[in-house]
Amino acid sequence: MILEWIRFSLSALLMLMGLSSLLATTIGLFRFHYVLNRIHVAAKCDTLGVLLTFSSLMLMSGFTVASLKLFLVIVFLWIANPVANHLIAHMEVAMNPRAEDEFEVIRHDAD
């Protein structure tokens, strides 16, 4: 009985932390002006929010096949999300004609 309450409390805490991280992502997307700032907020807070939220769901479901699937989704998102955000940011720098005016660009040219 007491272990169930501890598990529920820990799961609720993880869920609240994850949802607050996702809320910070949403606020950051509307507050920042430049695309690269928005991408940075989305990459960091979204990845953390998904980790905390899915960890809460894994803790609530116990050690089952569903928790294993949630763990695999976390691993996939932790690999795919930063790579996708990096590619989007790289394309923004390459395609934006006003990139030099809006932010500092450090170019690494392959010789």
N, C-alpha and C. Protein backbone atom coordinates (compact mmCIF):
# COMPACT_ATOMS: atom_id res chain seq x y z
N MET A 1 0.82 -1.19 0.00
CA MET A 1 0.00 0.00 0.00
C MET A 1 0.87 1.26 0.00
N ILE A 2 1.83 1.32 0.89
CA ILE A 2 2.68 2.52 0.97
C ILE A 2 3.59 2.63 -0.24
N LEU A 3 4.02 1.49 -0.79
CA LEU A 3 4.86 1.53 -1.98
C LEU A 3 4.10 2.05 -3.20
N GLU A 4 2.81 1.75 -3.25
CA GLU A 4 2.00 2.27 -4.36
C GLU A 4 1.88 3.79 -4.28
N TRP A 5 1.76 4.32 -3.08
CA TRP A 5 1.68 5.77 -2.91
C TRP A 5 3.00 6.44 -3.26
N ILE A 6 4.10 5.81 -2.91
CA ILE A 6 5.41 6.36 -3.26
C ILE A 6 5.59 6.36 -4.77
N ARG A 7 5.20 5.26 -5.40
CA ARG A 7 5.31 5.16 -6.86
C ARG A 7 4.40 6.18 -7.55
N PHE A 8 3.19 6.34 -7.03
CA PHE A 8 2.27 7.33 -7.59
C PHE A 8 2.81 8.75 -7.40
N SER A 9 3.34 9.05 -6.23
CA SER A 9 3.88 10.39 -5.96
C SER A 9 5.07 10.71 -6.85
N LEU A 10 5.97 9.75 -7.01
CA LEU A 10 7.12 9.95 -7.87
C LEU A 10 6.69 10.11 -9.33
N SER A 11 5.71 9.32 -9.73
CA SER A 11 5.21 9.42 -11.09
C SER A 11 4.53 10.76 -11.33
N ALA A 12 3.77 11.23 -10.37
CA ALA A 12 3.10 12.53 -10.50
C ALA A 12 4.13 13.66 -10.56
N LEU A 13 5.19 13.56 -9.76
CA LEU A 13 6.24 14.56 -9.79
C LEU A 13 6.95 14.59 -11.15
N LEU A 14 7.27 13.42 -11.69
CA LEU A 14 7.90 13.36 -13.02
C LEU A 14 6.98 13.92 -14.10
N MET A 15 5.69 13.61 -13.99
CA MET A 15 4.73 14.11 -14.97
C MET A 15 4.63 15.63 -14.91
N LEU A 16 4.56 16.19 -13.71
CA LEU A 16 4.49 17.65 -13.58
C LEU A 16 5.76 18.33 -14.09
N MET A 17 6.91 17.73 -13.82
CA MET A 17 8.16 18.30 -14.32
C MET A 17 8.21 18.23 -15.84
N GLY A 18 7.77 17.12 -16.42
CA GLY A 18 7.75 16.98 -17.87
C GLY A 18 6.79 17.95 -18.54
N LEU A 19 5.61 18.10 -17.95
CA LEU A 19 4.65 19.02 -18.54
C LEU A 19 5.09 20.47 -18.38
N SER A 20 5.76 20.80 -17.28
CA SER A 20 6.27 22.16 -17.14
C SER A 20 7.40 22.43 -18.14
N SER A 21 8.19 21.42 -18.45
CA SER A 21 9.23 21.58 -19.47
C SER A 21 8.59 21.78 -20.85
N LEU A 22 7.55 21.05 -21.14
CA LEU A 22 6.85 21.25 -22.42
C LEU A 22 6.15 22.60 -22.48
N LEU A 23 5.67 23.09 -21.33
CA LEU A 23 5.09 24.43 -21.28
C LEU A 23 6.17 25.49 -21.54
N ALA A 24 7.36 25.29 -20.99
CA ALA A 24 8.47 26.21 -21.24
C ALA A 24 8.83 26.21 -22.73
N THR A 25 8.74 25.07 -23.37
CA THR A 25 8.98 24.99 -24.82
C THR A 25 7.98 25.84 -25.57
N THR A 26 6.72 25.72 -25.21
CA THR A 26 5.68 26.48 -25.89
C THR A 26 5.86 27.97 -25.69
N ILE A 27 6.16 28.37 -24.47
CA ILE A 27 6.37 29.79 -24.20
C ILE A 27 7.59 30.30 -24.96
N GLY A 28 8.66 29.52 -24.99
CA GLY A 28 9.87 29.92 -25.71
C GLY A 28 9.66 30.05 -27.20
N LEU A 29 8.82 29.19 -27.76
CA LEU A 29 8.55 29.28 -29.20
C LEU A 29 7.83 30.57 -29.56
N PHE A 30 7.01 31.06 -28.65
CA PHE A 30 6.30 32.32 -28.93
C PHE A 30 7.10 33.55 -28.53
N ARG A 31 8.01 33.43 -27.58
CA ARG A 31 8.73 34.61 -27.07
C ARG A 31 9.96 34.97 -27.89
N PHE A 32 10.70 33.97 -28.39
CA PHE A 32 11.92 34.26 -29.10
C PHE A 32 11.62 34.73 -30.52
N HIS A 33 12.50 35.58 -31.03
CA HIS A 33 12.26 36.19 -32.34
C HIS A 33 12.93 35.43 -33.49
N TYR A 34 14.12 34.91 -33.25
CA TYR A 34 14.87 34.28 -34.33
C TYR A 34 14.61 32.78 -34.38
N VAL A 35 14.71 32.26 -35.57
CA VAL A 35 14.44 30.83 -35.79
C VAL A 35 15.41 29.96 -35.01
N LEU A 36 16.67 30.34 -34.97
CA LEU A 36 17.66 29.51 -34.28
C LEU A 36 17.42 29.47 -32.78
N ASN A 37 16.95 30.56 -32.20
CA ASN A 37 16.60 30.55 -30.78
C ASN A 37 15.42 29.63 -30.52
N ARG A 38 14.45 29.66 -31.41
CA ARG A 38 13.28 28.80 -31.26
C ARG A 38 13.66 27.33 -31.40
N ILE A 39 14.55 27.04 -32.33
CA ILE A 39 14.99 25.66 -32.52
C ILE A 39 15.74 25.17 -31.30
N HIS A 40 16.55 26.04 -30.70
CA HIS A 40 17.32 25.66 -29.52
C HIS A 40 16.38 25.32 -28.36
N VAL A 41 15.37 26.15 -28.14
CA VAL A 41 14.41 25.87 -27.07
C VAL A 41 13.66 24.58 -27.35
N ALA A 42 13.25 24.39 -28.58
CA ALA A 42 12.50 23.17 -28.92
C ALA A 42 13.36 21.93 -28.75
N ALA A 43 14.62 22.01 -29.11
CA ALA A 43 15.50 20.84 -29.02
C ALA A 43 15.76 20.45 -27.57
N LYS A 44 16.01 21.43 -26.73
CA LYS A 44 16.37 21.12 -25.34
C LYS A 44 15.16 20.74 -24.50
N CYS A 45 14.18 21.64 -24.45
CA CYS A 45 13.05 21.43 -23.54
C CYS A 45 12.12 20.31 -24.01
N ASP A 46 11.96 20.17 -25.32
CA ASP A 46 11.09 19.12 -25.84
C ASP A 46 11.66 17.74 -25.53
N THR A 47 12.94 17.59 -25.70
CA THR A 47 13.58 16.30 -25.42
C THR A 47 13.50 15.97 -23.94
N LEU A 48 13.75 16.95 -23.08
CA LEU A 48 13.66 16.72 -21.64
C LEU A 48 12.22 16.46 -21.22
N GLY A 49 11.27 17.19 -21.78
CA GLY A 49 9.87 16.99 -21.43
C GLY A 49 9.37 15.61 -21.81
N VAL A 50 9.77 15.13 -22.97
CA VAL A 50 9.38 13.78 -23.39
C VAL A 50 10.00 12.72 -22.47
N LEU A 51 11.27 12.92 -22.11
CA LEU A 51 11.93 11.98 -21.20
C LEU A 51 11.20 11.90 -19.86
N LEU A 52 10.89 13.03 -19.28
CA LEU A 52 10.25 13.04 -17.96
C LEU A 52 8.82 12.50 -18.03
N THR A 53 8.08 12.89 -19.06
CA THR A 53 6.70 12.44 -19.19
C THR A 53 6.62 10.94 -19.44
N PHE A 54 7.45 10.43 -20.34
CA PHE A 54 7.42 9.01 -20.62
C PHE A 54 7.99 8.19 -19.46
N SER A 55 8.94 8.75 -18.73
CA SER A 55 9.45 8.06 -17.54
C SER A 55 8.35 7.92 -16.50
N SER A 56 7.52 8.95 -16.39
CA SER A 56 6.38 8.88 -15.48
C SER A 56 5.41 7.78 -15.90
N LEU A 57 5.15 7.70 -17.19
CA LEU A 57 4.25 6.65 -17.68
C LEU A 57 4.84 5.25 -17.48
N MET A 58 6.16 5.14 -17.66
CA MET A 58 6.82 3.86 -17.44
C MET A 58 6.74 3.45 -15.98
N LEU A 59 6.91 4.41 -15.08
CA LEU A 59 6.84 4.11 -13.65
C LEU A 59 5.43 3.70 -13.25
N MET A 60 4.43 4.32 -13.84
CA MET A 60 3.04 3.97 -13.51
C MET A 60 2.65 2.60 -14.04
N SER A 61 3.16 2.23 -15.21
CA SER A 61 2.76 0.94 -15.78
C SER A 61 3.55 -0.22 -15.20
N GLY A 62 4.66 0.06 -14.53
CA GLY A 62 5.47 -1.03 -13.99
C GLY A 62 6.35 -1.61 -15.07
N PHE A 63 6.95 -2.76 -14.77
CA PHE A 63 7.82 -3.41 -15.75
C PHE A 63 6.99 -4.31 -16.64
N THR A 64 6.54 -3.76 -17.76
CA THR A 64 5.71 -4.50 -18.72
C THR A 64 6.26 -4.27 -20.12
N VAL A 65 5.58 -4.85 -21.08
CA VAL A 65 5.95 -4.65 -22.47
C VAL A 65 5.70 -3.19 -22.87
N ALA A 66 4.66 -2.59 -22.31
CA ALA A 66 4.36 -1.19 -22.62
C ALA A 66 5.49 -0.28 -22.15
N SER A 67 6.06 -0.55 -20.98
CA SER A 67 7.16 0.28 -20.50
C SER A 67 8.41 0.09 -21.35
N LEU A 68 8.62 -1.12 -21.87
CA LEU A 68 9.74 -1.35 -22.78
C LEU A 68 9.55 -0.56 -24.07
N LYS A 69 8.33 -0.52 -24.58
CA LYS A 69 8.05 0.26 -25.78
C LYS A 69 8.24 1.75 -25.53
N LEU A 70 7.82 2.23 -24.37
CA LEU A 70 8.04 3.63 -24.03
C LEU A 70 9.53 3.95 -23.94
N PHE A 71 10.30 3.03 -23.38
CA PHE A 71 11.74 3.23 -23.30
C PHE A 71 12.36 3.30 -24.70
N LEU A 72 11.91 2.46 -25.60
CA LEU A 72 12.42 2.50 -26.97
C LEU A 72 12.05 3.80 -27.69
N VAL A 73 10.86 4.33 -27.40
CA VAL A 73 10.46 5.61 -27.96
C VAL A 73 11.36 6.72 -27.42
N ILE A 74 11.68 6.67 -26.12
CA ILE A 74 12.58 7.66 -25.52
C ILE A 74 13.95 7.61 -26.20
N VAL A 75 14.48 6.41 -26.40
CA VAL A 75 15.80 6.27 -27.03
C VAL A 75 15.76 6.82 -28.45
N PHE A 76 14.71 6.50 -29.19
CA PHE A 76 14.60 7.00 -30.56
C PHE A 76 14.53 8.53 -30.59
N LEU A 77 13.71 9.11 -29.71
CA LEU A 77 13.57 10.56 -29.70
C LEU A 77 14.84 11.25 -29.24
N TRP A 78 15.58 10.64 -28.32
CA TRP A 78 16.83 11.25 -27.86
C TRP A 78 17.90 11.21 -28.95
N ILE A 79 17.76 10.32 -29.90
CA ILE A 79 18.70 10.29 -31.03
C ILE A 79 18.19 11.18 -32.17
N ALA A 80 16.92 11.07 -32.50
CA ALA A 80 16.38 11.74 -33.69
C ALA A 80 16.14 13.23 -33.48
N ASN A 81 15.68 13.64 -32.31
CA ASN A 81 15.32 15.04 -32.10
C ASN A 81 16.51 15.99 -32.22
N PRO A 82 17.64 15.75 -31.56
CA PRO A 82 18.77 16.68 -31.75
C PRO A 82 19.32 16.69 -33.17
N VAL A 83 19.33 15.54 -33.82
CA VAL A 83 19.84 15.48 -35.20
C VAL A 83 18.92 16.27 -36.13
N ALA A 84 17.62 16.10 -35.98
CA ALA A 84 16.67 16.82 -36.83
C ALA A 84 16.75 18.32 -36.59
N ASN A 85 16.85 18.73 -35.34
CA ASN A 85 16.96 20.16 -35.05
C ASN A 85 18.26 20.75 -35.57
N HIS A 86 19.33 19.98 -35.51
CA HIS A 86 20.60 20.46 -36.06
C HIS A 86 20.50 20.65 -37.58
N LEU A 87 19.86 19.71 -38.26
CA LEU A 87 19.71 19.83 -39.70
C LEU A 87 18.83 21.01 -40.09
N ILE A 88 17.78 21.25 -39.32
CA ILE A 88 16.91 22.40 -39.60
C ILE A 88 17.67 23.70 -39.37
N ALA A 89 18.47 23.78 -38.30
CA ALA A 89 19.25 24.98 -38.03
C ALA A 89 20.31 25.19 -39.12
N HIS A 90 20.93 24.11 -39.57
CA HIS A 90 21.93 24.22 -40.63
C HIS A 90 21.29 24.72 -41.92
N MET A 91 20.11 24.25 -42.23
CA MET A 91 19.42 24.70 -43.43
C MET A 91 19.01 26.17 -43.29
N GLU A 92 18.61 26.60 -42.11
CA GLU A 92 18.26 28.00 -41.90
C GLU A 92 19.46 28.91 -42.14
N VAL A 93 20.61 28.51 -41.65
CA VAL A 93 21.82 29.32 -41.85
C VAL A 93 22.20 29.35 -43.33
N ALA A 94 22.06 28.23 -44.00
CA ALA A 94 22.45 28.16 -45.41
C ALA A 94 21.48 28.89 -46.33
N MET A 95 20.20 28.89 -46.01
CA MET A 95 19.20 29.43 -46.93
C MET A 95 18.76 30.86 -46.61
N ASN A 96 19.03 31.35 -45.42
CA ASN A 96 18.58 32.68 -45.04
C ASN A 96 19.54 33.72 -45.60
N PRO A 97 19.08 34.60 -46.49
CA PRO A 97 19.99 35.60 -47.06
C PRO A 97 20.41 36.68 -46.06
N ARG A 98 19.63 36.87 -44.99
CA ARG A 98 19.96 37.86 -43.97
C ARG A 98 20.60 37.23 -42.74
N ALA A 99 21.18 36.06 -42.88
CA ALA A 99 21.74 35.36 -41.73
C ALA A 99 22.86 36.14 -41.07
N GLU A 100 23.69 36.77 -41.87
CA GLU A 100 24.82 37.54 -41.31
C GLU A 100 24.33 38.75 -40.52
N ASP A 101 23.18 39.30 -40.89
CA ASP A 101 22.64 40.47 -40.19
C ASP A 101 21.95 40.10 -38.89
N GLU A 102 21.32 38.93 -38.86
CA GLU A 102 20.51 38.55 -37.71
C GLU A 102 21.31 37.89 -36.59
N PHE A 103 22.34 37.14 -36.94
CA PHE A 103 23.11 36.42 -35.94
C PHE A 103 24.51 36.18 -36.44
N GLU A 104 25.39 35.80 -35.53
CA GLU A 104 26.78 35.52 -35.89
C GLU A 104 26.86 34.12 -36.50
N VAL A 105 27.47 34.05 -37.66
CA VAL A 105 27.61 32.78 -38.35
C VAL A 105 29.08 32.42 -38.42
N ILE A 106 29.42 31.27 -37.91
CA ILE A 106 30.79 30.75 -38.00
C ILE A 106 30.78 29.64 -39.02
N ARG A 107 31.44 29.87 -40.12
CA ARG A 107 31.44 28.89 -41.21
C ARG A 107 32.67 27.99 -41.10
N HIS A 108 32.43 26.71 -41.24
CA HIS A 108 33.50 25.72 -41.25
C HIS A 108 33.57 25.14 -42.65
N ASP A 109 34.39 25.72 -43.48
CA ASP A 109 34.52 25.27 -44.86
C ASP A 109 35.51 24.12 -44.94
N ALA A 110 35.14 23.10 -45.68
CA ALA A 110 36.03 21.95 -45.89
C ALA A 110 36.99 22.30 -47.03
N ASP A 111 38.27 22.24 -46.76
CA ASP A 111 39.27 22.55 -47.79
C ASP A 111 39.71 21.33 -48.52
